[in-house]
Amino acid sequence: QVVIISDADRLTEAAGNALLKAIEEPPPRTVFLLCAPST
């Protein structure tokens, strides 16, 4: 399962927190690909 988030710099703070929880406890076959101008 692949999730591509174009312009991840536009995540609201609450949306970022929801994504963070998924990244911290990912399902075994899910991959998150985030795109942003910088870190």
PDB file of all heavy atoms in Angstrom:
ATOM      1  N   GLN A   1       0.873  -1.158   0.000  1.00  0.00           N
ATOM      2  CA  GLN A   1       0.000   0.000   0.000  1.00  0.00           C
ATOM      3  C   GLN A   1       0.922   1.222   0.000  1.00  0.00           C
ATOM      4  O   GLN A   1       1.757   1.371   0.897  1.00  0.00           O
ATOM      5  CB  GLN A   1      -0.886   0.033   1.252  1.00  0.00           C
ATOM      6  CG  GLN A   1      -2.067  -0.906   1.231  1.00  0.00           C
ATOM      7  CD  GLN A   1      -3.240  -0.351   0.430  1.00  0.00           C
ATOM      8  OE1 GLN A   1      -3.128   0.692  -0.216  1.00  0.00           O
ATOM      9  NE2 GLN A   1      -4.336  -1.063   0.463  1.00  0.00           N
ATOM     10  N   VAL A   2       0.797   2.090  -0.986  1.00  0.00           N
ATOM     11  CA  VAL A   2       1.671   3.252  -1.098  1.00  0.00           C
ATOM     12  C   VAL A   2       0.831   4.521  -1.044  1.00  0.00           C
ATOM     13  O   VAL A   2      -0.153   4.660  -1.779  1.00  0.00           O
ATOM     14  CB  VAL A   2       2.483   3.224  -2.414  1.00  0.00           C
ATOM     15  CG1 VAL A   2       3.441   4.419  -2.466  1.00  0.00           C
ATOM     16  CG2 VAL A   2       3.257   1.919  -2.531  1.00  0.00           C
ATOM     17  N   VAL A   3       1.213   5.432  -0.160  1.00  0.00           N
ATOM     18  CA  VAL A   3       0.544   6.724  -0.026  1.00  0.00           C
ATOM     19  C   VAL A   3       1.537   7.809  -0.425  1.00  0.00           C
ATOM     20  O   VAL A   3       2.595   7.956   0.199  1.00  0.00           O
ATOM     21  CB  VAL A   3       0.059   6.959   1.417  1.00  0.00           C
ATOM     22  CG1 VAL A   3      -0.583   8.337   1.541  1.00  0.00           C
ATOM     23  CG2 VAL A   3      -0.917   5.875   1.829  1.00  0.00           C
ATOM     24  N   ILE A   4       1.223   8.558  -1.478  1.00  0.00           N
ATOM     25  CA  ILE A   4       2.062   9.666  -1.939  1.00  0.00           C
ATOM     26  C   ILE A   4       1.377  10.966  -1.547  1.00  0.00           C
ATOM     27  O   ILE A   4       0.244  11.230  -1.964  1.00  0.00           O
ATOM     28  CB  ILE A   4       2.260   9.625  -3.463  1.00  0.00           C
ATOM     29  CG1 ILE A   4       2.839   8.276  -3.909  1.00  0.00           C
ATOM     30  CG2 ILE A   4       3.167  10.765  -3.912  1.00  0.00           C
ATOM     31  CD1 ILE A   4       2.900   8.107  -5.420  1.00  0.00           C
ATOM     32  N   ILE A   5       2.039  11.770  -0.734  1.00  0.00           N
ATOM     33  CA  ILE A   5       1.473  13.054  -0.310  1.00  0.00           C
ATOM     34  C   ILE A   5       2.267  14.161  -0.989  1.00  0.00           C
ATOM     35  O   ILE A   5       3.371  14.523  -0.568  1.00  0.00           O
ATOM     36  CB  ILE A   5       1.499  13.214   1.216  1.00  0.00           C
ATOM     37  CG1 ILE A   5       0.741  12.060   1.880  1.00  0.00           C
ATOM     38  CG2 ILE A   5       0.887  14.544   1.626  1.00  0.00           C
ATOM     39  CD1 ILE A   5       0.728  12.102   3.381  1.00  0.00           C
ATOM     40  N   SER A   6       1.723  14.664  -2.080  1.00  0.00           N
ATOM     41  CA  SER A   6       2.340  15.792  -2.764  1.00  0.00           C
ATOM     42  C   SER A   6       2.138  17.045  -1.920  1.00  0.00           C
ATOM     43  O   SER A   6       1.089  17.237  -1.317  1.00  0.00           O
ATOM     44  CB  SER A   6       1.703  15.962  -4.143  1.00  0.00           C
ATOM     45  OG  SER A   6       2.244  17.059  -4.825  1.00  0.00           O
ATOM     46  N   ASP A   7       3.163  17.906  -1.874  1.00  0.00           N
ATOM     47  CA  ASP A   7       3.073  19.144  -1.091  1.00  0.00           C
ATOM     48  C   ASP A   7       2.736  18.857   0.362  1.00  0.00           C
ATOM     49  O   ASP A   7       1.782  19.401   0.936  1.00  0.00           O
ATOM     50  CB  ASP A   7       2.038  20.097  -1.684  1.00  0.00           C
ATOM     51  CG  ASP A   7       2.375  20.510  -3.100  1.00  0.00           C
ATOM     52  OD1 ASP A   7       3.544  20.812  -3.353  1.00  0.00           O
ATOM     53  OD2 ASP A   7       1.480  20.514  -3.965  1.00  0.00           O
ATOM     54  N   ALA A   8       3.528  17.985   0.985  1.00  0.00           N
ATOM     55  CA  ALA A   8       3.307  17.667   2.395  1.00  0.00           C
ATOM     56  C   ALA A   8       3.541  18.878   3.293  1.00  0.00           C
ATOM     57  O   ALA A   8       3.142  18.864   4.462  1.00  0.00           O
ATOM     58  CB  ALA A   8       4.227  16.520   2.819  1.00  0.00           C
ATOM     59  N   ASP A   9       4.173  19.922   2.764  1.00  0.00           N
ATOM     60  CA  ASP A   9       4.353  21.149   3.540  1.00  0.00           C
ATOM     61  C   ASP A   9       3.027  21.870   3.776  1.00  0.00           C
ATOM     62  O   ASP A   9       2.974  22.814   4.571  1.00  0.00           O
ATOM     63  CB  ASP A   9       5.329  22.092   2.822  1.00  0.00           C
ATOM     64  CG  ASP A   9       4.943  22.347   1.367  1.00  0.00           C
ATOM     65  OD1 ASP A   9       4.756  21.363   0.631  1.00  0.00           O
ATOM     66  OD2 ASP A   9       4.841  23.520   0.969  1.00  0.00           O
ATOM     67  N   ARG A  10       1.954  21.438   3.112  1.00  0.00           N
ATOM     68  CA  ARG A  10       0.645  22.060   3.304  1.00  0.00           C
ATOM     69  C   ARG A  10      -0.222  21.308   4.316  1.00  0.00           C
ATOM     70  O   ARG A  10      -1.397  21.606   4.467  1.00  0.00           O
ATOM     71  CB  ARG A  10      -0.097  22.154   1.960  1.00  0.00           C
ATOM     72  CG  ARG A  10       0.607  23.031   0.943  1.00  0.00           C
ATOM     73  CD  ARG A  10      -0.211  23.159  -0.325  1.00  0.00           C
ATOM     74  NE  ARG A  10       0.575  23.742  -1.404  1.00  0.00           N
ATOM     75  CZ  ARG A  10       0.153  23.842  -2.665  1.00  0.00           C
ATOM     76  NH1 ARG A  10      -1.045  23.392  -2.974  1.00  0.00           N
ATOM     77  NH2 ARG A  10       0.921  24.375  -3.586  1.00  0.00           N
ATOM     78  N   LEU A  11       0.351  20.334   4.986  1.00  0.00           N
ATOM     79  CA  LEU A  11      -0.392  19.654   6.052  1.00  0.00           C
ATOM     80  C   LEU A  11      -0.674  20.624   7.198  1.00  0.00           C
ATOM     81  O   LEU A  11       0.226  21.334   7.655  1.00  0.00           O
ATOM     82  CB  LEU A  11       0.421  18.473   6.588  1.00  0.00           C
ATOM     83  CG  LEU A  11       0.560  17.236   5.696  1.00  0.00           C
ATOM     84  CD1 LEU A  11       1.675  16.344   6.226  1.00  0.00           C
ATOM     85  CD2 LEU A  11      -0.748  16.470   5.625  1.00  0.00           C
ATOM     86  N   THR A  12      -1.919  20.649   7.677  1.00  0.00           N
ATOM     87  CA  THR A  12      -2.182  21.413   8.890  1.00  0.00           C
ATOM     88  C   THR A  12      -1.521  20.702  10.070  1.00  0.00           C
ATOM     89  O   THR A  12      -1.105  19.541   9.965  1.00  0.00           O
ATOM     90  CB  THR A  12      -3.692  21.535   9.149  1.00  0.00           C
ATOM     91  OG1 THR A  12      -4.231  20.216   9.381  1.00  0.00           O
ATOM     92  CG2 THR A  12      -4.408  22.169   7.963  1.00  0.00           C
ATOM     93  N   GLU A  13      -1.431  21.387  11.195  1.00  0.00           N
ATOM     94  CA  GLU A  13      -0.793  20.767  12.358  1.00  0.00           C
ATOM     95  C   GLU A  13      -1.531  19.499  12.777  1.00  0.00           C
ATOM     96  O   GLU A  13      -0.904  18.472  13.070  1.00  0.00           O
ATOM     97  CB  GLU A  13      -0.754  21.764  13.514  1.00  0.00           C
ATOM     98  CG  GLU A  13      -0.067  21.215  14.759  1.00  0.00           C
ATOM     99  CD  GLU A  13       0.011  22.222  15.890  1.00  0.00           C
ATOM    100  OE1 GLU A  13      -0.439  23.371  15.694  1.00  0.00           O
ATOM    101  OE2 GLU A  13       0.507  21.850  16.972  1.00  0.00           O
ATOM    102  N   ALA A  14      -2.848  19.558  12.771  1.00  0.00           N
ATOM    103  CA  ALA A  14      -3.633  18.383  13.159  1.00  0.00           C
ATOM    104  C   ALA A  14      -3.461  17.251  12.152  1.00  0.00           C
ATOM    105  O   ALA A  14      -3.358  16.075  12.525  1.00  0.00           O
ATOM    106  CB  ALA A  14      -5.109  18.756  13.287  1.00  0.00           C
ATOM    107  N   ALA A  15      -3.423  17.583  10.864  1.00  0.00           N
ATOM    108  CA  ALA A  15      -3.214  16.559   9.837  1.00  0.00           C
ATOM    109  C   ALA A  15      -1.830  15.941   9.973  1.00  0.00           C
ATOM    110  O   ALA A  15      -1.652  14.728   9.808  1.00  0.00           O
ATOM    111  CB  ALA A  15      -3.392  17.160   8.453  1.00  0.00           C
ATOM    112  N   GLY A  16      -0.836  16.757  10.287  1.00  0.00           N
ATOM    113  CA  GLY A  16       0.511  16.243  10.503  1.00  0.00           C
ATOM    114  C   GLY A  16       0.568  15.283  11.680  1.00  0.00           C
ATOM    115  O   GLY A  16       1.261  14.258  11.626  1.00  0.00           O
ATOM    116  N   ASN A  17      -0.176  15.591  12.736  1.00  0.00           N
ATOM    117  CA  ASN A  17      -0.202  14.698  13.897  1.00  0.00           C
ATOM    118  C   ASN A  17      -0.852  13.354  13.554  1.00  0.00           C
ATOM    119  O   ASN A  17      -0.412  12.294  14.012  1.00  0.00           O
ATOM    120  CB  ASN A  17      -0.944  15.360  15.051  1.00  0.00           C
ATOM    121  CG  ASN A  17      -0.170  16.530  15.642  1.00  0.00           C
ATOM    122  OD1 ASN A  17       1.054  16.585  15.527  1.00  0.00           O
ATOM    123  ND2 ASN A  17      -0.878  17.466  16.246  1.00  0.00           N
ATOM    124  N   ALA A  18      -1.917  13.404  12.741  1.00  0.00           N
ATOM    125  CA  ALA A  18      -2.574  12.163  12.323  1.00  0.00           C
ATOM    126  C   ALA A  18      -1.632  11.314  11.473  1.00  0.00           C
ATOM    127  O   ALA A  18      -1.574  10.084  11.620  1.00  0.00           O
ATOM    128  CB  ALA A  18      -3.849  12.486  11.545  1.00  0.00           C
ATOM    129  N   LEU A  19      -0.881  11.972  10.588  1.00  0.00           N
ATOM    130  CA  LEU A  19       0.078  11.249   9.759  1.00  0.00           C
ATOM    131  C   LEU A  19       1.215  10.690  10.612  1.00  0.00           C
ATOM    132  O   LEU A  19       1.658   9.552  10.405  1.00  0.00           O
ATOM    133  CB  LEU A  19       0.641  12.180   8.686  1.00  0.00           C
ATOM    134  CG  LEU A  19       1.755  11.609   7.809  1.00  0.00           C
ATOM    135  CD1 LEU A  19       1.261  10.413   7.014  1.00  0.00           C
ATOM    136  CD2 LEU A  19       2.308  12.682   6.877  1.00  0.00           C
ATOM    137  N   LEU A  20       1.669  11.476  11.584  1.00  0.00           N
ATOM    138  CA  LEU A  20       2.768  11.030  12.444  1.00  0.00           C
ATOM    139  C   LEU A  20       2.412   9.734  13.166  1.00  0.00           C
ATOM    140  O   LEU A  20       3.240   8.820  13.252  1.00  0.00           O
ATOM    141  CB  LEU A  20       3.106  12.124  13.459  1.00  0.00           C
ATOM    142  CG  LEU A  20       4.143  11.767  14.518  1.00  0.00           C
ATOM    143  CD1 LEU A  20       5.484  11.428  13.867  1.00  0.00           C
ATOM    144  CD2 LEU A  20       4.302  12.911  15.515  1.00  0.00           C
ATOM    145  N   LYS A  21       1.193   9.640  13.664  1.00  0.00           N
ATOM    146  CA  LYS A  21       0.780   8.429  14.378  1.00  0.00           C
ATOM    147  C   LYS A  21       0.850   7.216  13.454  1.00  0.00           C
ATOM    148  O   LYS A  21       1.292   6.129  13.858  1.00  0.00           O
ATOM    149  CB  LYS A  21      -0.634   8.594  14.931  1.00  0.00           C
ATOM    150  CG  LYS A  21      -1.118   7.406  15.748  1.00  0.00           C
ATOM    151  CD  LYS A  21      -2.457   7.692  16.395  1.00  0.00           C
ATOM    152  CE  LYS A  21      -2.962   6.490  17.186  1.00  0.00           C
ATOM    153  NZ  LYS A  21      -2.032   6.093  18.248  1.00  0.00           N
ATOM    154  N   ALA A  22       0.456   7.411  12.188  1.00  0.00           N
ATOM    155  CA  ALA A  22       0.501   6.297  11.231  1.00  0.00           C
ATOM    156  C   ALA A  22       1.938   5.918  10.899  1.00  0.00           C
ATOM    157  O   ALA A  22       2.260   4.733  10.739  1.00  0.00           O
ATOM    158  CB  ALA A  22      -0.255   6.672   9.962  1.00  0.00           C
ATOM    159  N   ILE A  23       2.813   6.911  10.808  1.00  0.00           N
ATOM    160  CA  ILE A  23       4.216   6.620  10.503  1.00  0.00           C
ATOM    161  C   ILE A  23       4.900   5.939  11.679  1.00  0.00           C
ATOM    162  O   ILE A  23       5.768   5.077  11.506  1.00  0.00           O
ATOM    163  CB  ILE A  23       4.946   7.921  10.107  1.00  0.00           C
ATOM    164  CG1 ILE A  23       4.424   8.427   8.751  1.00  0.00           C
ATOM    165  CG2 ILE A  23       6.451   7.718  10.043  1.00  0.00           C
ATOM    166  CD1 ILE A  23       5.028   9.738   8.319  1.00  0.00           C
ATOM    167  N   GLU A  24       4.508   6.317  12.890  1.00  0.00           N
ATOM    168  CA  GLU A  24       5.109   5.703  14.078  1.00  0.00           C
ATOM    169  C   GLU A  24       4.692   4.243  14.246  1.00  0.00           C
ATOM    170  O   GLU A  24       5.464   3.431  14.753  1.00  0.00           O
ATOM    171  CB  GLU A  24       4.713   6.507  15.322  1.00  0.00           C
ATOM    172  CG  GLU A  24       5.418   7.849  15.434  1.00  0.00           C
ATOM    173  CD  GLU A  24       4.988   8.611  16.660  1.00  0.00           C
ATOM    174  OE1 GLU A  24       3.813   8.453  17.083  1.00  0.00           O
ATOM    175  OE2 GLU A  24       5.793   9.388  17.199  1.00  0.00           O
ATOM    176  N   GLU A  25       3.473   3.922  13.818  1.00  0.00           N
ATOM    177  CA  GLU A  25       2.969   2.547  13.950  1.00  0.00           C
ATOM    178  C   GLU A  25       2.425   2.075  12.598  1.00  0.00           C
ATOM    179  O   GLU A  25       1.218   1.878  12.426  1.00  0.00           O
ATOM    180  CB  GLU A  25       1.874   2.494  15.014  1.00  0.00           C
ATOM    181  CG  GLU A  25       2.340   2.962  16.389  1.00  0.00           C
ATOM    182  CD  GLU A  25       1.200   3.028  17.390  1.00  0.00           C
ATOM    183  OE1 GLU A  25       0.069   2.658  17.013  1.00  0.00           O
ATOM    184  OE2 GLU A  25       1.436   3.442  18.536  1.00  0.00           O
ATOM    185  N   PRO A  26       3.308   1.887  11.618  1.00  0.00           N
ATOM    186  CA  PRO A  26       2.840   1.594  10.260  1.00  0.00           C
ATOM    187  C   PRO A  26       2.404   0.140  10.101  1.00  0.00           C
ATOM    188  O   PRO A  26       2.974  -0.761  10.723  1.00  0.00           O
ATOM    189  CB  PRO A  26       4.080   1.870   9.409  1.00  0.00           C
ATOM    190  CG  PRO A  26       5.218   1.526  10.322  1.00  0.00           C
ATOM    191  CD  PRO A  26       4.780   1.959  11.697  1.00  0.00           C
ATOM    192  N   PRO A  27       1.408  -0.113   9.275  1.00  0.00           N
ATOM    193  CA  PRO A  27       1.085  -1.496   8.908  1.00  0.00           C
ATOM    194  C   PRO A  27       2.281  -2.104   8.176  1.00  0.00           C
ATOM    195  O   PRO A  27       3.107  -1.380   7.594  1.00  0.00           O
ATOM    196  CB  PRO A  27      -0.121  -1.344   7.970  1.00  0.00           C
ATOM    197  CG  PRO A  27      -0.685   0.007   8.301  1.00  0.00           C
ATOM    198  CD  PRO A  27       0.486   0.852   8.683  1.00  0.00           C
ATOM    199  N   PRO A  28       2.409  -3.423   8.169  1.00  0.00           N
ATOM    200  CA  PRO A  28       3.624  -4.042   7.627  1.00  0.00           C
ATOM    201  C   PRO A  28       3.830  -3.861   6.133  1.00  0.00           C
ATOM    202  O   PRO A  28       4.944  -4.016   5.656  1.00  0.00           O
ATOM    203  CB  PRO A  28       3.431  -5.529   7.969  1.00  0.00           C
ATOM    204  CG  PRO A  28       1.953  -5.692   8.169  1.00  0.00           C
ATOM    205  CD  PRO A  28       1.481  -4.402   8.742  1.00  0.00           C
ATOM    206  N   ARG A  29       2.778  -3.544   5.368  1.00  0.00           N
ATOM    207  CA  ARG A  29       2.928  -3.408   3.923  1.00  0.00           C
ATOM    208  C   ARG A  29       2.493  -2.033   3.426  1.00  0.00           C
ATOM    209  O   ARG A  29       2.059  -1.885   2.300  1.00  0.00           O
ATOM    210  CB  ARG A  29       2.115  -4.497   3.202  1.00  0.00           C
ATOM    211  CG  ARG A  29       2.690  -5.897   3.343  1.00  0.00           C
ATOM    212  CD  ARG A  29       4.006  -6.038   2.541  1.00  0.00           C
ATOM    213  NE  ARG A  29       4.515  -7.393   2.602  1.00  0.00           N
ATOM    214  CZ  ARG A  29       5.367  -7.823   3.502  1.00  0.00           C
ATOM    215  NH1 ARG A  29       5.808  -6.983   4.443  1.00  0.00           N
ATOM    216  NH2 ARG A  29       5.792  -9.067   3.499  1.00  0.00           N
ATOM    217  N   THR A  30       2.645  -1.008   4.266  1.00  0.00           N
ATOM    218  CA  THR A  30       2.282   0.355   3.878  1.00  0.00           C
ATOM    219  C   THR A  30       3.528   1.230   3.838  1.00  0.00           C
ATOM    220  O   THR A  30       4.352   1.196   4.759  1.00  0.00           O
ATOM    221  CB  THR A  30       1.261   0.960   4.858  1.00  0.00           C
ATOM    222  OG1 THR A  30       0.072   0.156   4.841  1.00  0.00           O
ATOM    223  CG2 THR A  30       0.890   2.381   4.452  1.00  0.00           C
ATOM    224  N   VAL A  31       3.655   2.006   2.775  1.00  0.00           N
ATOM    225  CA  VAL A  31       4.798   2.897   2.589  1.00  0.00           C
ATOM    226  C   VAL A  31       4.279   4.314   2.357  1.00  0.00           C
ATOM    227  O   VAL A  31       3.389   4.529   1.524  1.00  0.00           O
ATOM    228  CB  VAL A  31       5.663   2.455   1.388  1.00  0.00           C
ATOM    229  CG1 VAL A  31       6.857   3.400   1.217  1.00  0.00           C
ATOM    230  CG2 VAL A  31       6.134   1.024   1.569  1.00  0.00           C
ATOM    231  N   PHE A  32       4.821   5.273   3.099  1.00  0.00           N
ATOM    232  CA  PHE A  32       4.440   6.681   2.964  1.00  0.00           C
ATOM    233  C   PHE A  32       5.532   7.434   2.222  1.00  0.00           C
ATOM    234  O   PHE A  32       6.715   7.378   2.618  1.00  0.00           O
ATOM    235  CB  PHE A  32       4.219   7.318   4.340  1.00  0.00           C
ATOM    236  CG  PHE A  32       3.066   6.724   5.105  1.00  0.00           C
ATOM    237  CD1 PHE A  32       3.258   5.673   5.991  1.00  0.00           C
ATOM    238  CD2 PHE A  32       1.781   7.212   4.930  1.00  0.00           C
ATOM    239  CE1 PHE A  32       2.199   5.120   6.692  1.00  0.00           C
ATOM    240  CE2 PHE A  32       0.710   6.655   5.621  1.00  0.00           C
ATOM    241  CZ  PHE A  32       0.921   5.612   6.507  1.00  0.00           C
ATOM    242  N   LEU A  33       5.156   8.161   1.176  1.00  0.00           N
ATOM    243  CA  LEU A  33       6.092   8.959   0.386  1.00  0.00           C
ATOM    244  C   LEU A  33       5.640  10.415   0.465  1.00  0.00           C
ATOM    245  O   LEU A  33       4.587  10.781  -0.077  1.00  0.00           O
ATOM    246  CB  LEU A  33       6.120   8.482  -1.067  1.00  0.00           C
ATOM    247  CG  LEU A  33       6.329   6.976  -1.295  1.00  0.00           C
ATOM    248  CD1 LEU A  33       6.335   6.669  -2.787  1.00  0.00           C
ATOM    249  CD2 LEU A  33       7.621   6.510  -0.643  1.00  0.00           C
ATOM    250  N   LEU A  34       6.413  11.251   1.150  1.00  0.00           N
ATOM    251  CA  LEU A  34       6.069  12.660   1.348  1.00  0.00           C
ATOM    252  C   LEU A  34       6.934  13.536   0.455  1.00  0.00           C
ATOM    253  O   LEU A  34       8.133  13.285   0.303  1.00  0.00           O
ATOM    254  CB  LEU A  34       6.258  13.070   2.809  1.00  0.00           C
ATOM    255  CG  LEU A  34       5.751  12.102   3.895  1.00  0.00           C
ATOM    256  CD1 LEU A  34       5.971  12.707   5.274  1.00  0.00           C
ATOM    257  CD2 LEU A  34       4.301  11.765   3.675  1.00  0.00           C
ATOM    258  N   CYS A  35       6.350  14.582  -0.096  1.00  0.00           N
ATOM    259  CA  CYS A  35       7.077  15.521  -0.951  1.00  0.00           C
ATOM    260  C   CYS A  35       7.000  16.914  -0.333  1.00  0.00           C
ATOM    261  O   CYS A  35       5.900  17.392  -0.020  1.00  0.00           O
ATOM    262  CB  CYS A  35       6.482  15.547  -2.360  1.00  0.00           C
ATOM    263  SG  CYS A  35       6.366  13.933  -3.160  1.00  0.00           S
ATOM    264  N   ALA A  36       8.137  17.562  -0.151  1.00  0.00           N
ATOM    265  CA  ALA A  36       8.176  18.894   0.459  1.00  0.00           C
ATOM    266  C   ALA A  36       9.387  19.647  -0.087  1.00  0.00           C
ATOM    267  O   ALA A  36      10.368  19.034  -0.515  1.00  0.00           O
ATOM    268  CB  ALA A  36       8.253  18.789   1.977  1.00  0.00           C
ATOM    269  N   PRO A  37       9.348  20.981  -0.061  1.00  0.00           N
ATOM    270  CA  PRO A  37      10.495  21.747  -0.569  1.00  0.00           C
ATOM    271  C   PRO A  37      11.784  21.494   0.197  1.00  0.00           C
ATOM    272  O   PRO A  37      12.871  21.499  -0.375  1.00  0.00           O
ATOM    273  CB  PRO A  37      10.035  23.203  -0.412  1.00  0.00           C
ATOM    274  CG  PRO A  37       8.549  23.135  -0.402  1.00  0.00           C
ATOM    275  CD  PRO A  37       8.212  21.846   0.288  1.00  0.00           C
ATOM    276  N   SER A  38      11.677  21.282   1.506  1.00  0.00           N
ATOM    277  CA  SER A  38      12.876  21.084   2.328  1.00  0.00           C
ATOM    278  C   SER A  38      12.470  20.364   3.613  1.00  0.00           C
ATOM    279  O   SER A  38      11.302  20.065   3.836  1.00  0.00           O
ATOM    280  CB  SER A  38      13.526  22.429   2.671  1.00  0.00           C
ATOM    281  OG  SER A  38      12.739  23.142   3.623  1.00  0.00           O
ATOM    282  N   THR A  39      13.455  20.119   4.468  1.00  0.00           N
ATOM    283  CA  THR A  39      13.170  19.538   5.780  1.00  0.00           C
ATOM    284  C   THR A  39      13.126  20.609   6.874  1.00  0.00           C
ATOM    285  O   THR A  39      13.141  20.293   8.053  1.00  0.00           O
ATOM    286  CB  THR A  39      14.237  18.493   6.149  1.00  0.00           C
ATOM    287  OG1 THR A  39      15.538  19.100   6.097  1.00  0.00           O
ATOM    288  CG2 THR A  39      14.179  17.318   5.190  1.00  0.00           C
TER     289      THR A  39
END
